[in-house]
N, C-alpha and C. Protein backbone atom coordinates (compact mmCIF):
# COMPACT_ATOMS: atom_id res chain seq x y z
N MET A 1 -40.49 59.20 -17.26
CA MET A 1 -41.67 57.51 -16.78
C MET A 1 -39.42 57.87 -16.35
N SER A 2 -40.21 56.97 -15.25
CA SER A 2 -37.76 56.05 -14.91
C SER A 2 -37.86 55.01 -15.52
N LYS A 3 -36.34 54.07 -15.97
CA LYS A 3 -36.37 52.96 -16.76
C LYS A 3 -36.49 52.08 -15.57
N SER A 4 -35.82 51.14 -15.74
CA SER A 4 -36.38 49.74 -15.23
C SER A 4 -34.67 48.87 -14.71
N LEU A 5 -33.73 49.43 -13.46
CA LEU A 5 -32.54 48.67 -13.74
C LEU A 5 -33.04 47.07 -14.26
N ALA A 6 -33.77 46.49 -14.11
CA ALA A 6 -34.18 44.67 -14.41
C ALA A 6 -34.59 45.04 -15.49
N ILE A 7 -35.58 45.31 -16.00
CA ILE A 7 -35.76 45.85 -17.90
C ILE A 7 -34.96 45.67 -19.22
N GLU A 8 -33.42 47.05 -17.90
CA GLU A 8 -32.60 47.86 -19.51
C GLU A 8 -32.02 46.48 -19.34
N LEU A 9 -31.11 46.40 -18.30
CA LEU A 9 -30.93 44.55 -18.13
C LEU A 9 -30.35 43.07 -19.47
N LYS A 10 -31.84 43.39 -18.96
CA LYS A 10 -33.09 42.03 -19.92
C LYS A 10 -33.04 42.80 -20.98
N ARG A 11 -32.59 43.21 -21.49
CA ARG A 11 -33.16 44.45 -23.21
C ARG A 11 -31.14 44.15 -23.38
N LEU A 12 -29.65 44.22 -22.84
CA LEU A 12 -29.74 44.57 -23.11
C LEU A 12 -28.77 43.24 -22.71
N ASN A 13 -29.23 41.36 -21.96
CA ASN A 13 -28.35 40.35 -21.79
C ASN A 13 -29.82 40.20 -23.70
N ASN A 14 -30.35 40.47 -24.79
CA ASN A 14 -30.93 40.91 -25.48
C ASN A 14 -29.64 39.98 -26.48
N ALA A 15 -30.03 41.98 -26.49
CA ALA A 15 -29.33 41.79 -26.94
C ALA A 15 -27.78 41.72 -26.84
N LEU A 16 -26.75 40.89 -26.47
CA LEU A 16 -26.04 40.23 -26.79
C LEU A 16 -25.69 38.86 -26.78
N THR A 17 -27.12 38.47 -26.30
CA THR A 17 -27.99 37.32 -27.31
C THR A 17 -27.62 36.52 -28.81
N ARG A 18 -28.23 38.13 -29.07
CA ARG A 18 -27.96 38.70 -31.22
C ARG A 18 -26.83 38.01 -31.29
N PHE A 19 -26.62 39.22 -30.81
CA PHE A 19 -25.10 39.92 -31.01
C PHE A 19 -24.36 37.60 -31.30
N SER A 20 -23.71 36.48 -30.07
CA SER A 20 -23.41 35.79 -30.02
C SER A 20 -23.62 34.78 -30.96
N SER A 21 -24.96 34.80 -30.88
CA SER A 21 -25.81 34.14 -31.75
C SER A 21 -25.41 34.51 -33.36
N LYS A 22 -25.71 35.19 -33.85
CA LYS A 22 -25.40 35.14 -35.02
C LYS A 22 -23.41 35.45 -35.85
N GLU A 23 -22.73 35.85 -34.38
CA GLU A 23 -21.55 35.35 -34.80
C GLU A 23 -21.63 33.36 -34.09
N ALA A 24 -22.22 32.93 -33.78
CA ALA A 24 -22.58 31.73 -33.56
C ALA A 24 -22.35 30.54 -34.92
N LYS A 25 -23.17 32.01 -35.59
CA LYS A 25 -23.65 31.43 -37.39
C LYS A 25 -22.22 30.88 -37.49
N LYS A 26 -21.02 31.43 -37.63
CA LYS A 26 -20.45 31.55 -38.96
C LYS A 26 -19.34 30.07 -38.59
N PHE A 27 -19.51 30.39 -37.46
CA PHE A 27 -18.58 28.70 -37.05
C PHE A 27 -19.76 27.22 -37.33
N GLY A 28 -21.42 27.78 -37.02
CA GLY A 28 -22.33 26.56 -38.08
C GLY A 28 -22.75 26.33 -35.56
N ILE A 29 -22.92 26.54 -35.47
CA ILE A 29 -22.75 26.34 -33.80
C ILE A 29 -23.95 27.34 -33.83
N THR A 30 -24.43 26.78 -32.89
CA THR A 30 -25.82 27.67 -30.89
C THR A 30 -24.52 29.05 -30.52
N ALA A 31 -25.28 30.13 -29.89
CA ALA A 31 -24.39 30.90 -29.41
C ALA A 31 -23.92 29.78 -28.12
N ALA A 32 -24.83 29.25 -27.91
CA ALA A 32 -24.67 28.52 -26.05
C ALA A 32 -22.98 27.63 -26.62
N GLN A 33 -23.06 27.21 -27.80
CA GLN A 33 -22.47 25.99 -27.68
C GLN A 33 -20.88 27.27 -28.05
N MET A 34 -21.07 28.05 -29.08
CA MET A 34 -19.44 28.21 -28.50
C MET A 34 -19.44 30.00 -27.42
N SER A 35 -20.39 29.99 -25.86
CA SER A 35 -19.07 30.19 -24.95
C SER A 35 -18.44 29.23 -24.28
N LEU A 36 -19.01 28.62 -24.29
CA LEU A 36 -19.15 27.29 -24.04
C LEU A 36 -17.65 26.53 -25.20
N ILE A 37 -17.85 26.60 -25.91
CA ILE A 37 -16.10 26.21 -26.94
C ILE A 37 -15.19 27.39 -26.16
N ASP A 38 -15.48 28.20 -25.45
CA ASP A 38 -14.94 29.33 -25.54
C ASP A 38 -14.05 29.07 -23.80
N PHE A 39 -15.48 29.11 -22.91
CA PHE A 39 -14.34 28.57 -21.75
C PHE A 39 -13.29 27.27 -21.94
N LEU A 40 -14.48 26.35 -22.97
CA LEU A 40 -12.59 24.90 -22.90
C LEU A 40 -11.81 25.56 -23.06
N TYR A 41 -11.88 26.15 -24.40
CA TYR A 41 -10.39 26.70 -24.59
C TYR A 41 -9.29 27.70 -23.61
N ARG A 42 -10.69 28.70 -23.23
CA ARG A 42 -9.97 29.15 -22.35
C ARG A 42 -9.37 28.70 -20.95
N THR A 43 -9.60 27.75 -20.37
CA THR A 43 -9.37 26.91 -19.12
C THR A 43 -8.67 26.11 -19.87
N GLU A 44 -8.20 25.57 -20.86
CA GLU A 44 -7.63 24.24 -21.24
C GLU A 44 -5.90 23.37 -20.57
N GLY A 45 -5.10 22.76 -20.34
CA GLY A 45 -4.46 23.33 -19.40
C GLY A 45 -4.78 23.36 -18.07
N GLU A 46 -5.71 23.81 -17.24
CA GLU A 46 -5.90 24.31 -15.49
C GLU A 46 -5.90 22.77 -15.44
N GLU A 47 -6.86 23.18 -14.52
CA GLU A 47 -7.65 21.90 -14.11
C GLU A 47 -8.75 21.29 -14.73
N PRO A 48 -9.30 20.11 -14.62
CA PRO A 48 -9.96 19.39 -15.40
C PRO A 48 -10.83 20.11 -14.73
N ILE A 49 -11.97 20.29 -15.75
CA ILE A 49 -13.56 20.83 -16.62
C ILE A 49 -15.19 19.27 -16.78
N PHE A 50 -16.05 19.42 -15.57
CA PHE A 50 -16.79 18.58 -15.23
C PHE A 50 -18.20 19.54 -15.91
N GLN A 51 -18.91 18.72 -15.61
CA GLN A 51 -20.14 18.87 -16.33
C GLN A 51 -21.06 19.44 -15.14
N THR A 52 -20.75 19.84 -13.45
CA THR A 52 -20.79 21.34 -12.72
C THR A 52 -19.93 21.64 -12.97
N ASP A 53 -18.47 22.14 -13.45
CA ASP A 53 -17.75 23.60 -13.36
C ASP A 53 -18.77 24.42 -14.96
N ILE A 54 -19.22 24.16 -15.36
CA ILE A 54 -19.82 24.99 -15.91
C ILE A 54 -21.29 24.68 -16.08
N GLU A 55 -22.48 24.08 -15.12
CA GLU A 55 -23.45 24.42 -14.95
C GLU A 55 -22.86 26.14 -13.27
N LYS A 56 -21.82 26.07 -13.49
CA LYS A 56 -20.68 27.07 -12.15
C LYS A 56 -21.39 28.51 -13.28
N GLU A 57 -20.40 28.72 -14.30
CA GLU A 57 -20.05 29.05 -15.67
C GLU A 57 -20.83 29.52 -15.90
N PHE A 58 -21.39 28.66 -16.41
CA PHE A 58 -22.71 29.60 -17.14
C PHE A 58 -23.99 29.23 -16.48
N ASN A 59 -24.48 29.32 -15.11
CA ASN A 59 -25.10 28.96 -14.60
C ASN A 59 -26.87 29.34 -13.94
N ILE A 60 -26.77 28.34 -15.02
CA ILE A 60 -27.79 27.02 -15.18
C ILE A 60 -27.80 26.11 -14.42
N GLN A 61 -29.22 24.92 -15.26
CA GLN A 61 -29.48 23.48 -14.26
C GLN A 61 -28.77 23.01 -14.58
N LYS A 62 -29.06 22.13 -14.21
CA LYS A 62 -28.11 21.00 -14.91
C LYS A 62 -28.35 20.13 -16.07
N SER A 63 -30.08 19.99 -15.98
CA SER A 63 -30.66 19.60 -17.26
C SER A 63 -29.82 19.97 -18.41
N SER A 64 -29.90 21.49 -18.29
CA SER A 64 -30.07 22.54 -19.63
C SER A 64 -28.36 21.43 -19.37
N ALA A 65 -27.02 21.98 -18.77
CA ALA A 65 -25.69 21.74 -19.03
C ALA A 65 -25.81 19.95 -19.62
N THR A 66 -27.05 18.69 -19.19
CA THR A 66 -26.56 17.86 -19.62
C THR A 66 -27.75 17.87 -22.03
N ALA A 67 -28.08 18.62 -21.18
CA ALA A 67 -28.76 18.58 -23.10
C ALA A 67 -27.63 19.52 -24.08
N LEU A 68 -27.30 20.27 -23.50
CA LEU A 68 -25.95 21.22 -24.49
C LEU A 68 -24.80 20.25 -24.55
N LEU A 69 -24.33 19.15 -23.76
CA LEU A 69 -23.21 18.89 -23.73
C LEU A 69 -23.31 17.24 -24.78
N LYS A 70 -25.06 16.38 -24.30
CA LYS A 70 -25.50 15.57 -25.08
C LYS A 70 -24.54 16.74 -27.19
N LEU A 71 -25.38 17.15 -26.21
CA LEU A 71 -26.27 18.00 -28.35
C LEU A 71 -23.73 18.58 -28.60
N MET A 72 -23.30 18.30 -28.59
CA MET A 72 -22.21 19.09 -28.21
C MET A 72 -20.75 17.85 -28.86
N GLU A 73 -21.59 16.70 -28.19
CA GLU A 73 -20.69 14.98 -28.14
C GLU A 73 -21.38 14.78 -29.09
N LYS A 74 -22.79 14.56 -29.62
CA LYS A 74 -23.54 14.16 -31.12
C LYS A 74 -22.14 14.60 -31.83
N LYS A 75 -22.55 16.20 -32.09
CA LYS A 75 -21.33 17.12 -32.67
C LYS A 75 -20.55 17.25 -33.02
N GLU A 76 -20.07 16.25 -32.68
CA GLU A 76 -18.72 15.88 -32.04
C GLU A 76 -17.50 16.73 -31.77
N LEU A 77 -18.58 18.21 -31.51
CA LEU A 77 -16.86 18.78 -30.76
C LEU A 77 -16.90 18.61 -28.46
N ILE A 78 -17.58 17.65 -28.37
CA ILE A 78 -16.39 17.70 -27.33
C ILE A 78 -16.31 16.60 -27.20
N VAL A 79 -16.70 16.00 -25.92
CA VAL A 79 -16.15 14.07 -25.44
C VAL A 79 -16.04 13.98 -24.14
N ARG A 80 -16.52 13.42 -23.34
CA ARG A 80 -16.53 13.42 -22.00
C ARG A 80 -14.79 11.85 -21.68
N VAL A 81 -14.09 12.38 -21.08
CA VAL A 81 -13.76 11.07 -20.52
C VAL A 81 -13.23 10.88 -18.97
N VAL A 82 -13.53 9.59 -18.82
CA VAL A 82 -14.29 9.24 -17.25
C VAL A 82 -12.89 9.60 -16.58
N SER A 83 -12.66 10.43 -15.29
CA SER A 83 -12.12 11.39 -14.52
C SER A 83 -10.33 9.97 -14.42
N GLN A 84 -9.55 10.77 -14.39
CA GLN A 84 -8.13 9.44 -13.26
C GLN A 84 -7.89 9.50 -11.69
N THR A 85 -9.23 11.11 -11.82
CA THR A 85 -8.68 10.53 -10.45
C THR A 85 -10.46 10.73 -9.17
N ASP A 86 -11.29 10.81 -10.33
CA ASP A 86 -12.95 9.64 -9.77
C ASP A 86 -13.77 8.88 -10.81
N SER A 87 -13.48 8.22 -11.30
CA SER A 87 -14.68 7.17 -12.31
C SER A 87 -15.59 8.36 -12.00
N ARG A 88 -16.60 8.10 -11.40
CA ARG A 88 -17.76 9.18 -11.18
C ARG A 88 -17.85 10.05 -11.71
N TYR A 89 -16.74 10.55 -11.88
CA TYR A 89 -17.64 11.98 -13.25
C TYR A 89 -16.05 11.72 -14.73
N LYS A 90 -16.92 12.22 -14.93
CA LYS A 90 -16.41 12.36 -16.72
C LYS A 90 -16.38 14.01 -17.01
N GLN A 91 -15.23 13.97 -17.31
CA GLN A 91 -14.06 15.45 -18.24
C GLN A 91 -14.78 15.90 -19.05
N ILE A 92 -15.08 17.36 -19.73
CA ILE A 92 -15.41 17.55 -20.27
C ILE A 92 -14.45 18.01 -21.44
N MET A 93 -13.92 17.88 -22.64
CA MET A 93 -12.75 18.23 -23.22
C MET A 93 -12.93 18.47 -24.67
N LEU A 94 -12.79 19.51 -25.27
CA LEU A 94 -12.72 19.97 -27.64
C LEU A 94 -12.12 18.52 -27.79
N THR A 95 -13.23 18.50 -29.22
CA THR A 95 -12.61 17.92 -29.80
C THR A 95 -11.29 18.16 -30.75
N PRO A 96 -10.55 17.65 -31.27
CA PRO A 96 -9.45 18.33 -32.46
C PRO A 96 -10.35 19.31 -33.70
N ARG A 97 -11.50 19.43 -33.72
CA ARG A 97 -12.31 20.50 -34.20
C ARG A 97 -12.46 21.59 -34.08
N ALA A 98 -13.32 21.68 -32.55
CA ALA A 98 -13.51 22.21 -31.76
C ALA A 98 -12.28 23.36 -31.08
N ARG A 99 -11.86 22.78 -30.80
CA ARG A 99 -10.25 23.49 -30.23
C ARG A 99 -9.61 24.90 -31.83
N LYS A 100 -9.86 23.75 -32.98
CA LYS A 100 -9.44 24.43 -34.97
C LYS A 100 -11.07 26.32 -34.29
N SER A 101 -11.73 25.75 -33.75
CA SER A 101 -12.28 26.82 -34.14
C SER A 101 -11.97 28.51 -32.26
N GLY A 102 -11.54 26.86 -32.20
CA GLY A 102 -11.43 28.01 -29.89
C GLY A 102 -10.95 29.36 -30.41
N GLU A 103 -9.62 29.54 -31.13
CA GLU A 103 -9.19 30.38 -31.84
C GLU A 103 -9.41 32.01 -32.27
N LYS A 104 -10.73 31.01 -33.11
CA LYS A 104 -11.28 31.86 -33.94
C LYS A 104 -12.56 32.85 -32.10
N ILE A 105 -12.72 32.35 -31.93
CA ILE A 105 -14.06 31.72 -31.32
C ILE A 105 -13.61 33.26 -30.39
N ARG A 106 -12.53 32.58 -29.86
CA ARG A 106 -12.02 33.82 -28.83
C ARG A 106 -11.43 34.70 -28.65
N ALA A 107 -11.00 35.59 -30.26
CA ALA A 107 -11.16 36.89 -30.72
C ALA A 107 -12.39 37.14 -31.40
N VAL A 108 -13.54 36.42 -31.31
CA VAL A 108 -15.11 36.90 -31.53
C VAL A 108 -14.94 38.00 -30.38
N TYR A 109 -14.79 37.34 -29.37
CA TYR A 109 -14.94 37.94 -26.97
C TYR A 109 -14.69 39.08 -26.96
N LYS A 110 -13.17 38.65 -27.44
CA LYS A 110 -11.73 39.86 -28.17
C LYS A 110 -12.69 40.83 -28.23
N GLU A 111 -13.13 41.08 -29.48
CA GLU A 111 -13.32 41.11 -29.93
C GLU A 111 -14.93 42.24 -29.94
N ASN A 112 -15.82 41.51 -29.43
CA ASN A 112 -17.13 42.50 -28.79
C ASN A 112 -16.39 43.08 -27.23
N ASP A 113 -15.59 42.08 -26.53
CA ASP A 113 -14.95 43.61 -25.00
C ASP A 113 -14.65 44.77 -25.75
N ALA A 114 -13.67 44.41 -26.54
CA ALA A 114 -12.91 45.90 -26.73
C ALA A 114 -14.63 46.81 -27.05
N HIS A 115 -15.08 46.54 -27.64
CA HIS A 115 -16.23 47.13 -28.59
C HIS A 115 -16.53 48.12 -27.48
N LEU A 116 -16.79 46.96 -26.17
CA LEU A 116 -17.71 47.46 -25.62
C LEU A 116 -17.27 48.68 -24.42
N LYS A 117 -16.16 48.00 -24.26
CA LYS A 117 -15.54 48.76 -23.31
C LYS A 117 -14.62 50.21 -23.77
N ALA A 118 -14.89 50.58 -25.11
CA ALA A 118 -14.23 51.71 -26.14
C ALA A 118 -15.89 52.69 -25.03
N VAL A 119 -17.27 51.75 -25.70
CA VAL A 119 -18.02 52.23 -25.56
C VAL A 119 -18.29 53.23 -23.95
N LEU A 120 -17.75 52.39 -23.65
CA LEU A 120 -17.66 52.58 -21.39
C LEU A 120 -16.59 53.48 -21.43
N GLY A 121 -15.76 54.34 -22.31
CA GLY A 121 -14.27 53.56 -21.97
C GLY A 121 -14.32 54.22 -20.77
N ASN A 122 -13.69 54.99 -19.85
CA ASN A 122 -13.21 55.39 -18.03
C ASN A 122 -13.97 54.24 -17.68
N ASP A 123 -15.02 54.45 -17.99
CA ASP A 123 -15.94 54.02 -16.57
C ASP A 123 -16.34 51.63 -16.79
N ALA A 124 -15.90 51.40 -17.77
CA ALA A 124 -15.66 50.36 -18.35
C ALA A 124 -15.53 49.69 -16.20
N ASP A 125 -13.96 50.25 -16.00
CA ASP A 125 -14.12 48.62 -15.11
C ASP A 125 -15.21 48.90 -14.19
N SER A 126 -16.08 50.07 -13.68
CA SER A 126 -16.66 50.21 -12.26
C SER A 126 -18.10 49.82 -13.17
N MET A 127 -18.50 49.55 -14.36
CA MET A 127 -19.52 49.47 -15.00
C MET A 127 -19.34 48.11 -14.46
N LEU A 128 -18.12 46.95 -14.71
CA LEU A 128 -17.94 45.28 -14.60
C LEU A 128 -18.42 45.98 -13.55
N ASN A 129 -17.64 46.11 -11.97
CA ASN A 129 -17.74 45.45 -11.10
C ASN A 129 -18.53 45.41 -10.87
N ASN A 130 -19.93 46.65 -11.27
CA ASN A 130 -21.60 47.00 -10.82
C ASN A 130 -21.71 45.71 -11.27
N VAL A 131 -21.66 45.08 -12.12
CA VAL A 131 -22.61 44.61 -12.83
C VAL A 131 -22.00 42.20 -11.81
N LEU A 132 -20.82 42.48 -11.73
CA LEU A 132 -20.58 41.30 -10.64
C LEU A 132 -21.19 41.55 -9.61
N LYS A 133 -21.71 42.66 -8.53
CA LYS A 133 -22.14 43.00 -7.44
C LYS A 133 -23.80 42.43 -7.55
N LEU A 134 -24.98 42.78 -8.62
CA LEU A 134 -25.66 42.58 -8.73
C LEU A 134 -25.69 40.53 -9.59
N GLN A 135 -25.03 40.65 -10.00
CA GLN A 135 -24.98 39.50 -10.46
C GLN A 135 -24.82 38.24 -9.83
N ALA A 136 -23.48 39.09 -8.56
CA ALA A 136 -23.76 37.99 -6.95
C ALA A 136 -24.92 37.48 -6.09
N ALA A 137 -25.83 38.95 -6.24
CA ALA A 137 -26.92 39.50 -5.44
C ALA A 137 -27.51 38.58 -6.31
N LEU A 138 -27.99 38.97 -6.97
CA LEU A 138 -29.37 38.31 -7.36
C LEU A 138 -29.20 36.45 -7.46
N GLU A 139 -27.80 35.82 -7.13
CA GLU A 139 -27.16 35.30 -7.20
C GLU A 139 -28.22 34.58 -5.61
N LYS A 140 -27.82 35.19 -4.74
CA LYS A 140 -28.03 35.53 -2.99
C LYS A 140 -29.14 34.51 -2.65
N LEU A 141 -29.99 35.00 -4.29
CA LEU A 141 -31.52 35.72 -3.90
C LEU A 141 -32.06 34.09 -3.53
N ASN A 142 -31.50 33.87 -5.47
CA ASN A 142 -32.00 32.64 -5.98
C ASN A 142 -31.52 31.44 -5.25
N GLU A 143 -31.25 30.71 -4.01
CA GLU A 143 -29.85 30.49 -3.22
C GLU A 143 -32.14 28.99 -2.98
């Protein structure tokens, strides 16, 4: 019996989500919150990040991003600051508390990436390129 690529990718996604959830629990946050803290931590000092950037980065709908940001704001992990260039937009920034966890969270992701690359060996870069191609193709289908 041949395996379905889509089903196997879904299973891989589930395994990665379980790993992230387990690691996020150590910080008292969810996997989605951990991913967003990591994204904001990595991009700090670059261009301002707004909700639309988060929607694109994580391929989530506006309602999902809104719910995630509201909860993170309530937990004092992020603040929304009115943009200096356009008052209709609010820049998303880490609080000092979340920033303190940022380096540890970054280390978790780096360690996981290193483990995955070790498993794939020399095929890691090629595999990543193929995953990115699949992602782009699926996003095009969903337009």
